[in-house]
Each structure stands twice: as structure tokens, then as C-alpha cells.
């Protein structure tokens, strides 16, 4: 926990009272005492610091000052064929750490129907995983998470309203990520990345995505677990984006 987060309604007259996991972290991990300060942030708000006023029983009270905006976040949305619950937990957290703005969890032909009944999809569980990711990344802005139970309505009705360069990860394609990323982006254009099941999207799904302007690419001959692929792709996209920006600056 690099940044302790709290909800807006927890703050009263500039003071914050904590118990449970967060108070335990202050006591046993950080080992702070009254008078000490720590980094904190309001969910979907500013960051700052808190000074410990008192510690009694299992409660910690802090005086809060918020004077820093959260770090800039990449304009990147992730379309993800719903993975197994244990992988979903990892991906929700890691995608948040990597700065994804919104995550679309979709049904695909190779997704088991039972995955949509996992407790991991409960709003309170999703929120807790996203908060863990924000605490790690020292960010405060919760990503959006949307669950789409049917593929066709998603690709025909939802995708047309999504903005950004459209990239489709799919095994067996000749082009690599660098190849499809080479097209120059308009200023401020985001990225829309679609990642399928470990076996890839079906032919039907690939065609529907291509009709919506997605460029397909492969990560190479090795088949990766979905959680590994997502983190690797997000890191590669960040690198390619940084190189593109550096190239633009050198041209000026």
C-alpha cells in the first residue's frame, strides 16, 4: 500500500477516522505513531498527506490535507474476454496499476458460462480489487468496469461508441504489435485493446472486430496465460507510446 485511500464521505471537517485493514497497516506495517505523516488520497479526488492525531484501540484518527492532483492516466480501454475468476482478480488489479481507464468484460465463444456467476463480479469485490491497484500505483481514479453478457450486441452497439486506435490481440496473425502500432495517431487519440481467451477469439469474433476497424496482431509463437499477456501488452503499449512521443518531439 503506497497510498492509503479513503472515500469522500469518510472525511469529516478535515479529519479521517480509520479502522480495520487501513488502521492495521498504519500500526503494524508502517509502524507510525501520533505526529507522523503518511501519503493518502481521496478516491476519484486529490492526493496529499495525513498527520496522525491519535491512536486508540483499533482506530486511527488523522488530519488530512489534499493538495496534489492524481498522475496523468493513459487514454486506454481494455476489452477482455472474461477469464477464469482467479485470473480475473489478478487482471483487474494489474490493469488498474498500469493505468487502464475502463475495462469491458465480454462473453466470447471460448468463455465458460459459469465465469459470469463468480463472486468476483460482485460490485464490492471489483471495487476492492481496483482500490488495491490504485494503492499500489499511487493513483486515486477508479477505472470503469462494464460486464457484457452477449458478444454481438457489444461489438455492434457498444464498440462503435468507443474511441481510440483499435488493436486486437490474436494468435497466429503475422503482424506484431509494433507493426499495427506504426500508424501515426492523431493528437490525444487513445487506445482500445481487445484481448481474448488463451485459445484466441473465434473466426466469427475476429471478423466482427475487424469490421469495427480493429487491427489484429500476434504476440509471437508462445501461448501466454491471459493475465501475463495483458500485463505484457500494456507495458509494450506504454513503451511504444513513449517512443512515438519522443519521435514527435525530435521532429519539431
C-alpha atoms as a PDB file:
ATOM      1  CA  UNK A   1       0.000   0.000   0.000  1.00  0.00           C
ATOM      2  CA  UNK A   2       1.917   3.020  -1.313  1.00  0.00           C
ATOM      3  CA  UNK A   3      -1.065   5.347  -0.984  1.00  0.00           C
ATOM      4  CA  UNK A   4      -3.803   4.993   1.625  1.00  0.00           C
ATOM      5  CA  UNK A   5      -7.176   5.665   0.026  1.00  0.00           C
ATOM      6  CA  UNK A   6     -10.464   6.765   1.526  1.00  0.00           C
ATOM      7  CA  UNK A   7     -13.930   7.669   0.246  1.00  0.00           C
ATOM      8  CA  UNK A   8     -15.183  11.239   0.235  1.00  0.00           C
ATOM      9  CA  UNK A   9     -17.923  10.503   2.773  1.00  0.00           C
ATOM     10  CA  UNK A  10     -15.333   9.284   5.293  1.00  0.00           C
ATOM     11  CA  UNK A  11     -13.827  12.760   5.644  1.00  0.00           C
ATOM     12  CA  UNK A  12     -15.365  14.974   8.347  1.00  0.00           C
ATOM     13  CA  UNK A  13     -14.122  18.544   8.854  1.00  0.00           C
ATOM     14  CA  UNK A  14     -10.699  17.661   7.524  1.00  0.00           C
ATOM     15  CA  UNK A  15     -10.382  14.605   9.760  1.00  0.00           C
ATOM     16  CA  UNK A  16     -10.362  10.938   8.880  1.00  0.00           C
ATOM     17  CA  UNK A  17     -11.057   8.055  11.245  1.00  0.00           C
ATOM     18  CA  UNK A  18      -9.805   4.661  10.154  1.00  0.00           C
ATOM     19  CA  UNK A  19     -10.247   1.137  11.447  1.00  0.00           C
ATOM     20  CA  UNK A  20      -9.811  -2.357  10.047  1.00  0.00           C
ATOM     21  CA  UNK A  21      -7.291  -3.055   7.278  1.00  0.00           C
ATOM     22  CA  UNK A  22      -6.084   0.515   6.823  1.00  0.00           C
ATOM     23  CA  UNK A  23      -5.609   1.185  10.523  1.00  0.00           C
ATOM     24  CA  UNK A  24      -3.839  -2.155  10.845  1.00  0.00           C
ATOM     25  CA  UNK A  25      -1.484  -1.205   8.020  1.00  0.00           C
ATOM     26  CA  UNK A  26      -0.593   2.045   9.771  1.00  0.00           C
ATOM     27  CA  UNK A  27       0.063   0.233  13.040  1.00  0.00           C
ATOM     28  CA  UNK A  28       1.777  -2.994  12.044  1.00  0.00           C
ATOM     29  CA  UNK A  29       3.340  -2.351   8.626  1.00  0.00           C
ATOM     30  CA  UNK A  30       4.217   1.338   8.699  1.00  0.00           C
ATOM     31  CA  UNK A  31       4.577   1.364  12.499  1.00  0.00           C
ATOM     32  CA  UNK A  32       3.636   5.018  12.733  1.00  0.00           C
ATOM     33  CA  UNK A  33       2.884   6.999  15.860  1.00  0.00           C
ATOM     34  CA  UNK A  34       0.883  10.159  16.642  1.00  0.00           C
ATOM     35  CA  UNK A  35       2.549  13.104  14.932  1.00  0.00           C
ATOM     36  CA  UNK A  36       3.806  11.030  11.992  1.00  0.00           C
ATOM     37  CA  UNK A  37       2.570  11.623   8.438  1.00  0.00           C
ATOM     38  CA  UNK A  38       1.712   9.324   5.545  1.00  0.00           C
ATOM     39  CA  UNK A  39       0.597   9.610   1.922  1.00  0.00           C
ATOM     40  CA  UNK A  40      -3.114   9.337   1.264  1.00  0.00           C
ATOM     41  CA  UNK A  41      -5.716  10.180  -1.333  1.00  0.00           C
ATOM     42  CA  UNK A  42      -9.444  10.547  -1.824  1.00  0.00           C
ATOM     43  CA  UNK A  43     -10.927   8.044  -4.261  1.00  0.00           C
ATOM     44  CA  UNK A  44     -11.562   9.907  -7.536  1.00  0.00           C
ATOM     45  CA  UNK A  45     -10.061  13.012  -5.957  1.00  0.00           C
ATOM     46  CA  UNK A  46      -6.791  14.604  -4.913  1.00  0.00           C
ATOM     47  CA  UNK A  47      -3.764  13.187  -3.156  1.00  0.00           C
ATOM     48  CA  UNK A  48      -1.976  14.595  -0.142  1.00  0.00           C
ATOM     49  CA  UNK A  49      -0.916  13.605   3.330  1.00  0.00           C
ATOM     50  CA  UNK A  50      -2.403  12.780   6.676  1.00  0.00           C
ATOM     51  CA  UNK A  51      -0.934  13.553  10.081  1.00  0.00           C
ATOM     52  CA  UNK A  52      -1.816  11.099  12.827  1.00  0.00           C
ATOM     53  CA  UNK A  53      -3.636  12.852  15.659  1.00  0.00           C
ATOM     54  CA  UNK A  54      -4.356   9.894  17.879  1.00  0.00           C
ATOM     55  CA  UNK A  55      -4.376   6.095  18.001  1.00  0.00           C
ATOM     56  CA  UNK A  56      -6.788   4.404  20.371  1.00  0.00           C
ATOM     57  CA  UNK A  57      -7.881   0.782  20.409  1.00  0.00           C
ATOM     58  CA  UNK A  58      -8.234  -0.288  16.778  1.00  0.00           C
ATOM     59  CA  UNK A  59      -8.871   3.232  15.476  1.00  0.00           C
ATOM     60  CA  UNK A  60      -6.542   5.818  13.951  1.00  0.00           C
ATOM     61  CA  UNK A  61      -7.524   9.473  13.502  1.00  0.00           C
ATOM     62  CA  UNK A  62      -5.724  11.749  11.046  1.00  0.00           C
ATOM     63  CA  UNK A  63      -5.754  15.368   9.963  1.00  0.00           C
ATOM     64  CA  UNK A  64      -5.952  15.395   6.148  1.00  0.00           C
ATOM     65  CA  UNK A  65      -4.504  17.814   3.607  1.00  0.00           C
ATOM     66  CA  UNK A  66      -5.069  17.183  -0.111  1.00  0.00           C
ATOM     67  CA  UNK A  67      -3.091  19.420  -2.456  1.00  0.00           C
ATOM     68  CA  UNK A  68      -1.910  17.255  -5.384  1.00  0.00           C
ATOM     69  CA  UNK A  69      -3.765  16.122  -8.477  1.00  0.00           C
ATOM     70  CA  UNK A  70      -3.546  12.411  -9.391  1.00  0.00           C
ATOM     71  CA  UNK A  71      -0.962  11.441 -12.048  1.00  0.00           C
ATOM     72  CA  UNK A  72      -1.972  11.569 -15.712  1.00  0.00           C
ATOM     73  CA  UNK A  73      -3.603   8.372 -16.894  1.00  0.00           C
ATOM     74  CA  UNK A  74      -3.209   6.871 -20.386  1.00  0.00           C
ATOM     75  CA  UNK A  75      -6.312   7.064 -22.557  1.00  0.00           C
ATOM     76  CA  UNK A  76      -6.563   3.289 -22.800  1.00  0.00           C
ATOM     77  CA  UNK A  77      -9.523   0.932 -22.618  1.00  0.00           C
ATOM     78  CA  UNK A  78      -9.280  -2.844 -22.338  1.00  0.00           C
ATOM     79  CA  UNK A  79     -11.760  -5.263 -23.901  1.00  0.00           C
ATOM     80  CA  UNK A  80     -11.253  -8.606 -22.195  1.00  0.00           C
ATOM     81  CA  UNK A  81     -12.916 -11.950 -22.852  1.00  0.00           C
ATOM     82  CA  UNK A  82     -13.937 -12.903 -19.326  1.00  0.00           C
ATOM     83  CA  UNK A  83     -11.185 -15.156 -17.892  1.00  0.00           C
ATOM     84  CA  UNK A  84     -11.247 -17.629 -15.024  1.00  0.00           C
ATOM     85  CA  UNK A  85     -12.067 -15.948 -11.699  1.00  0.00           C
ATOM     86  CA  UNK A  86      -8.569 -16.304 -10.242  1.00  0.00           C
ATOM     87  CA  UNK A  87      -7.084 -14.655 -13.334  1.00  0.00           C
ATOM     88  CA  UNK A  88      -9.777 -12.002 -13.373  1.00  0.00           C
ATOM     89  CA  UNK A  89      -8.760 -10.906  -9.893  1.00  0.00           C
ATOM     90  CA  UNK A  90      -5.137 -10.507 -10.958  1.00  0.00           C
ATOM     91  CA  UNK A  91      -6.045  -8.671 -14.149  1.00  0.00           C
ATOM     92  CA  UNK A  92      -8.413  -6.195 -12.506  1.00  0.00           C
ATOM     93  CA  UNK A  93      -5.711  -5.222 -10.044  1.00  0.00           C
ATOM     94  CA  UNK A  94      -2.812  -5.155 -12.511  1.00  0.00           C
ATOM     95  CA  UNK A  95      -4.746  -3.300 -15.218  1.00  0.00           C
ATOM     96  CA  UNK A  96      -5.527  -0.658 -12.606  1.00  0.00           C
ATOM     97  CA  UNK A  97      -1.856  -0.446 -11.654  1.00  0.00           C
ATOM     98  CA  UNK A  98      -0.985   0.033 -15.341  1.00  0.00           C
ATOM     99  CA  UNK A  99      -3.440   2.917 -15.699  1.00  0.00           C
ATOM    100  CA  UNK A 100      -6.274   1.427 -17.767  1.00  0.00           C
ATOM    101  CA  UNK A 101      -9.199   3.846 -17.781  1.00  0.00           C
ATOM    102  CA  UNK A 102     -12.011   1.370 -18.447  1.00  0.00           C
ATOM    103  CA  UNK A 103     -12.349  -2.409 -18.661  1.00  0.00           C
ATOM    104  CA  UNK A 104     -15.022  -4.198 -20.705  1.00  0.00           C
ATOM    105  CA  UNK A 105     -15.552  -7.821 -19.669  1.00  0.00           C
ATOM    106  CA  UNK A 106     -17.228  -9.639 -22.541  1.00  0.00           C
ATOM    107  CA  UNK A 107     -18.570 -13.058 -23.409  1.00  0.00           C
ATOM    108  CA  UNK A 108     -16.759 -14.956 -26.158  1.00  0.00           C
ATOM    109  CA  UNK A 109     -17.395 -18.390 -27.635  1.00  0.00           C
ATOM    110  CA  UNK A 110     -14.483 -19.849 -25.642  1.00  0.00           C
ATOM    111  CA  UNK A 111     -15.592 -18.319 -22.333  1.00  0.00           C
ATOM    112  CA  UNK A 112     -17.347 -20.686 -19.934  1.00  0.00           C
ATOM    113  CA  UNK A 113     -20.817 -19.500 -18.940  1.00  0.00           C
ATOM    114  CA  UNK A 114     -20.080 -20.268 -15.288  1.00  0.00           C
ATOM    115  CA  UNK A 115     -17.467 -17.490 -15.232  1.00  0.00           C
ATOM    116  CA  UNK A 116     -20.282 -14.920 -15.266  1.00  0.00           C
ATOM    117  CA  UNK A 117     -21.587 -16.257 -11.947  1.00  0.00           C
ATOM    118  CA  UNK A 118     -18.361 -15.785  -9.998  1.00  0.00           C
ATOM    119  CA  UNK A 119     -18.482 -13.696  -6.796  1.00  0.00           C
ATOM    120  CA  UNK A 120     -15.523 -11.770  -8.237  1.00  0.00           C
ATOM    121  CA  UNK A 121     -18.020  -9.885 -10.429  1.00  0.00           C
ATOM    122  CA  UNK A 122     -19.897  -8.519  -7.444  1.00  0.00           C
ATOM    123  CA  UNK A 123     -19.531  -4.719  -7.372  1.00  0.00           C
ATOM    124  CA  UNK A 124     -17.997  -4.659  -3.894  1.00  0.00           C
ATOM    125  CA  UNK A 125     -15.368  -7.254  -4.868  1.00  0.00           C
ATOM    126  CA  UNK A 126     -14.497  -5.446  -8.082  1.00  0.00           C
ATOM    127  CA  UNK A 127     -14.127  -2.183  -6.178  1.00  0.00           C
ATOM    128  CA  UNK A 128     -11.823  -3.724  -3.577  1.00  0.00           C
ATOM    129  CA  UNK A 129      -9.529  -5.101  -6.298  1.00  0.00           C
ATOM    130  CA  UNK A 130      -9.441  -1.772  -8.112  1.00  0.00           C
ATOM    131  CA  UNK A 131      -8.635   0.049  -4.877  1.00  0.00           C
ATOM    132  CA  UNK A 132      -5.737  -2.340  -4.242  1.00  0.00           C
ATOM    133  CA  UNK A 133      -4.394  -1.467  -7.680  1.00  0.00           C
ATOM    134  CA  UNK A 134      -4.733   2.255  -7.036  1.00  0.00           C
ATOM    135  CA  UNK A 135      -2.957   1.932  -3.695  1.00  0.00           C
ATOM    136  CA  UNK A 136      -0.040   0.246  -5.436  1.00  0.00           C
ATOM    137  CA  UNK A 137       0.133   2.770  -8.288  1.00  0.00           C
ATOM    138  CA  UNK A 138      -0.407   5.847  -6.066  1.00  0.00           C
ATOM    139  CA  UNK A 139      -3.429   6.859  -8.122  1.00  0.00           C
ATOM    140  CA  UNK A 140      -6.930   7.793  -6.979  1.00  0.00           C
ATOM    141  CA  UNK A 141      -9.126   7.418 -10.069  1.00  0.00           C
ATOM    142  CA  UNK A 142     -11.128   4.212 -10.206  1.00  0.00           C
ATOM    143  CA  UNK A 143     -11.304   2.611 -13.653  1.00  0.00           C
ATOM    144  CA  UNK A 144     -14.729   1.873 -15.021  1.00  0.00           C
ATOM    145  CA  UNK A 145     -15.676  -1.806 -15.273  1.00  0.00           C
ATOM    146  CA  UNK A 146     -18.533  -2.956 -17.500  1.00  0.00           C
ATOM    147  CA  UNK A 147     -19.802  -6.522 -17.920  1.00  0.00           C
ATOM    148  CA  UNK A 148     -21.289  -7.513 -21.291  1.00  0.00           C
ATOM    149  CA  UNK A 149     -23.128 -10.832 -21.309  1.00  0.00           C
ATOM    150  CA  UNK A 150     -23.579 -11.065 -25.089  1.00  0.00           C
ATOM    151  CA  UNK A 151     -20.852 -10.601 -27.683  1.00  0.00           C
ATOM    152  CA  UNK A 152     -22.853  -9.464 -30.699  1.00  0.00           C
ATOM    153  CA  UNK A 153     -24.720  -6.570 -29.012  1.00  0.00           C
ATOM    154  CA  UNK A 154     -21.416  -5.470 -27.506  1.00  0.00           C
ATOM    155  CA  UNK A 155     -19.480  -5.378 -30.767  1.00  0.00           C
ATOM    156  CA  UNK A 156     -22.356  -3.907 -32.787  1.00  0.00           C
ATOM    157  CA  UNK A 157     -23.845  -1.430 -30.314  1.00  0.00           C
ATOM    158  CA  UNK A 158     -21.150  -0.570 -27.760  1.00  0.00           C
ATOM    159  CA  UNK A 159     -17.874  -0.696 -29.684  1.00  0.00           C
ATOM    160  CA  UNK A 160     -18.890   1.941 -32.283  1.00  0.00           C
ATOM    161  CA  UNK A 161     -19.162   4.465 -29.459  1.00  0.00           C
ATOM    162  CA  UNK A 162     -15.679   3.749 -28.094  1.00  0.00           C
ATOM    163  CA  UNK A 163     -12.814   5.997 -29.160  1.00  0.00           C
ATOM    164  CA  UNK A 164      -9.179   5.162 -29.808  1.00  0.00           C
ATOM    165  CA  UNK A 165      -6.813   3.226 -32.045  1.00  0.00           C
ATOM    166  CA  UNK A 166      -8.273  -0.283 -32.242  1.00  0.00           C
ATOM    167  CA  UNK A 167      -5.946  -3.218 -31.599  1.00  0.00           C
ATOM    168  CA  UNK A 168      -6.875  -6.911 -31.474  1.00  0.00           C
ATOM    169  CA  UNK A 169      -4.553  -9.467 -29.858  1.00  0.00           C
ATOM    170  CA  UNK A 170      -4.969 -12.827 -31.606  1.00  0.00           C
ATOM    171  CA  UNK A 171      -2.565 -15.786 -32.018  1.00  0.00           C
ATOM    172  CA  UNK A 172      -1.444 -16.848 -35.467  1.00  0.00           C
ATOM    173  CA  UNK A 173      -1.523 -13.387 -37.045  1.00  0.00           C
ATOM    174  CA  UNK A 174       1.621 -12.399 -38.968  1.00  0.00           C
ATOM    175  CA  UNK A 175       1.773  -8.796 -37.807  1.00  0.00           C
ATOM    176  CA  UNK A 176       3.241  -7.919 -34.430  1.00  0.00           C
ATOM    177  CA  UNK A 177       2.154  -5.139 -32.096  1.00  0.00           C
ATOM    178  CA  UNK A 178       4.854  -2.769 -33.356  1.00  0.00           C
ATOM    179  CA  UNK A 179       3.611  -3.275 -36.932  1.00  0.00           C
ATOM    180  CA  UNK A 180       0.000  -2.320 -36.256  1.00  0.00           C
ATOM    181  CA  UNK A 181       1.042   0.443 -33.867  1.00  0.00           C
ATOM    182  CA  UNK A 182       3.208   2.100 -36.531  1.00  0.00           C
ATOM    183  CA  UNK A 183       0.315   4.116 -37.979  1.00  0.00           C
ATOM    184  CA  UNK A 184       0.546   7.677 -36.711  1.00  0.00           C
ATOM    185  CA  UNK A 185      -2.067   8.604 -34.144  1.00  0.00           C
ATOM    186  CA  UNK A 186      -3.973  11.843 -34.011  1.00  0.00           C
ATOM    187  CA  UNK A 187      -3.107  14.074 -31.061  1.00  0.00           C
ATOM    188  CA  UNK A 188      -4.876  12.822 -27.962  1.00  0.00           C
ATOM    189  CA  UNK A 189      -6.092   9.629 -29.633  1.00  0.00           C
ATOM    190  CA  UNK A 190      -6.450   6.809 -27.135  1.00  0.00           C
ATOM    191  CA  UNK A 191      -6.048   3.066 -27.469  1.00  0.00           C
ATOM    192  CA  UNK A 192      -8.711   0.356 -27.454  1.00  0.00           C
ATOM    193  CA  UNK A 193      -7.099  -3.045 -26.831  1.00  0.00           C
ATOM    194  CA  UNK A 194      -9.015  -6.327 -27.179  1.00  0.00           C
ATOM    195  CA  UNK A 195      -7.590  -9.480 -25.562  1.00  0.00           C
ATOM    196  CA  UNK A 196      -9.332 -12.819 -25.981  1.00  0.00           C
ATOM    197  CA  UNK A 197      -9.206 -16.197 -24.234  1.00  0.00           C
ATOM    198  CA  UNK A 198      -5.968 -18.197 -24.189  1.00  0.00           C
ATOM    199  CA  UNK A 199      -7.114 -20.061 -27.305  1.00  0.00           C
ATOM    200  CA  UNK A 200      -7.832 -16.788 -29.066  1.00  0.00           C
ATOM    201  CA  UNK A 201     -11.016 -15.291 -30.459  1.00  0.00           C
ATOM    202  CA  UNK A 202     -13.181 -17.363 -32.801  1.00  0.00           C
ATOM    203  CA  UNK A 203     -13.112 -16.610 -36.537  1.00  0.00           C
ATOM    204  CA  UNK A 204     -16.544 -15.006 -36.219  1.00  0.00           C
ATOM    205  CA  UNK A 205     -15.374 -12.747 -33.398  1.00  0.00           C
ATOM    206  CA  UNK A 206     -12.223 -11.717 -35.264  1.00  0.00           C
ATOM    207  CA  UNK A 207     -14.276 -10.753 -38.318  1.00  0.00           C
ATOM    208  CA  UNK A 208     -16.709  -8.706 -36.243  1.00  0.00           C
ATOM    209  CA  UNK A 209     -13.823  -6.838 -34.624  1.00  0.00           C
ATOM    210  CA  UNK A 210     -12.185  -6.214 -37.997  1.00  0.00           C
ATOM    211  CA  UNK A 211     -15.454  -4.805 -39.317  1.00  0.00           C
ATOM    212  CA  UNK A 212     -15.210  -2.292 -36.471  1.00  0.00           C
ATOM    213  CA  UNK A 213     -11.730  -1.208 -37.547  1.00  0.00           C
ATOM    214  CA  UNK A 214      -9.555  -3.359 -35.277  1.00  0.00           C
ATOM    215  CA  UNK A 215      -6.054  -4.255 -36.493  1.00  0.00           C
ATOM    216  CA  UNK A 216      -5.100  -7.805 -35.475  1.00  0.00           C
ATOM    217  CA  UNK A 217      -1.625  -8.690 -34.213  1.00  0.00           C
ATOM    218  CA  UNK A 218       0.139 -11.606 -32.548  1.00  0.00           C
ATOM    219  CA  UNK A 219       2.437 -11.695 -29.521  1.00  0.00           C
ATOM    220  CA  UNK A 220       4.515 -14.460 -31.106  1.00  0.00           C
ATOM    221  CA  UNK A 221       4.506 -18.269 -31.142  1.00  0.00           C
ATOM    222  CA  UNK A 222       4.223 -18.772 -27.382  1.00  0.00           C
ATOM    223  CA  UNK A 223       0.791 -19.113 -25.786  1.00  0.00           C
ATOM    224  CA  UNK A 224       0.625 -16.957 -22.669  1.00  0.00           C
ATOM    225  CA  UNK A 225      -1.779 -17.038 -19.774  1.00  0.00           C
ATOM    226  CA  UNK A 226      -4.247 -14.189 -20.165  1.00  0.00           C
ATOM    227  CA  UNK A 227      -3.071 -12.329 -17.068  1.00  0.00           C
ATOM    228  CA  UNK A 228       0.532 -12.461 -18.312  1.00  0.00           C
ATOM    229  CA  UNK A 229      -0.493 -11.337 -21.799  1.00  0.00           C
ATOM    230  CA  UNK A 230      -2.474  -8.365 -20.508  1.00  0.00           C
ATOM    231  CA  UNK A 231       0.380  -7.012 -18.385  1.00  0.00           C
ATOM    232  CA  UNK A 232       2.924  -7.596 -21.170  1.00  0.00           C
ATOM    233  CA  UNK A 233       0.747  -5.839 -23.742  1.00  0.00           C
ATOM    234  CA  UNK A 234       0.037  -2.860 -21.521  1.00  0.00           C
ATOM    235  CA  UNK A 235       3.755  -2.451 -20.835  1.00  0.00           C
ATOM    236  CA  UNK A 236       4.593  -2.716 -24.546  1.00  0.00           C
ATOM    237  CA  UNK A 237       1.928  -0.174 -25.437  1.00  0.00           C
ATOM    238  CA  UNK A 238       3.326   2.246 -22.887  1.00  0.00           C
ATOM    239  CA  UNK A 239       6.814   1.831 -24.350  1.00  0.00           C
ATOM    240  CA  UNK A 240       5.609   2.280 -27.934  1.00  0.00           C
ATOM    241  CA  UNK A 241       3.618   5.343 -26.920  1.00  0.00           C
ATOM    242  CA  UNK A 242       6.662   6.860 -25.192  1.00  0.00           C
ATOM    243  CA  UNK A 243       8.834   6.194 -28.255  1.00  0.00           C
ATOM    244  CA  UNK A 244       6.221   7.756 -30.521  1.00  0.00           C
ATOM    245  CA  UNK A 245       6.078  10.882 -28.385  1.00  0.00           C
ATOM    246  CA  UNK A 246       9.877  11.124 -28.322  1.00  0.00           C
ATOM    247  CA  UNK A 247       9.983  10.799 -32.114  1.00  0.00           C
ATOM    248  CA  UNK A 248       7.429  13.592 -32.471  1.00  0.00           C
ATOM    249  CA  UNK A 249       9.485  15.874 -30.211  1.00  0.00           C
ATOM    250  CA  UNK A 250      12.679  15.198 -32.170  1.00  0.00           C
ATOM    251  CA  UNK A 251      10.930  16.136 -35.431  1.00  0.00           C
ATOM    252  CA  UNK A 252       9.969  19.566 -34.139  1.00  0.00           C
END
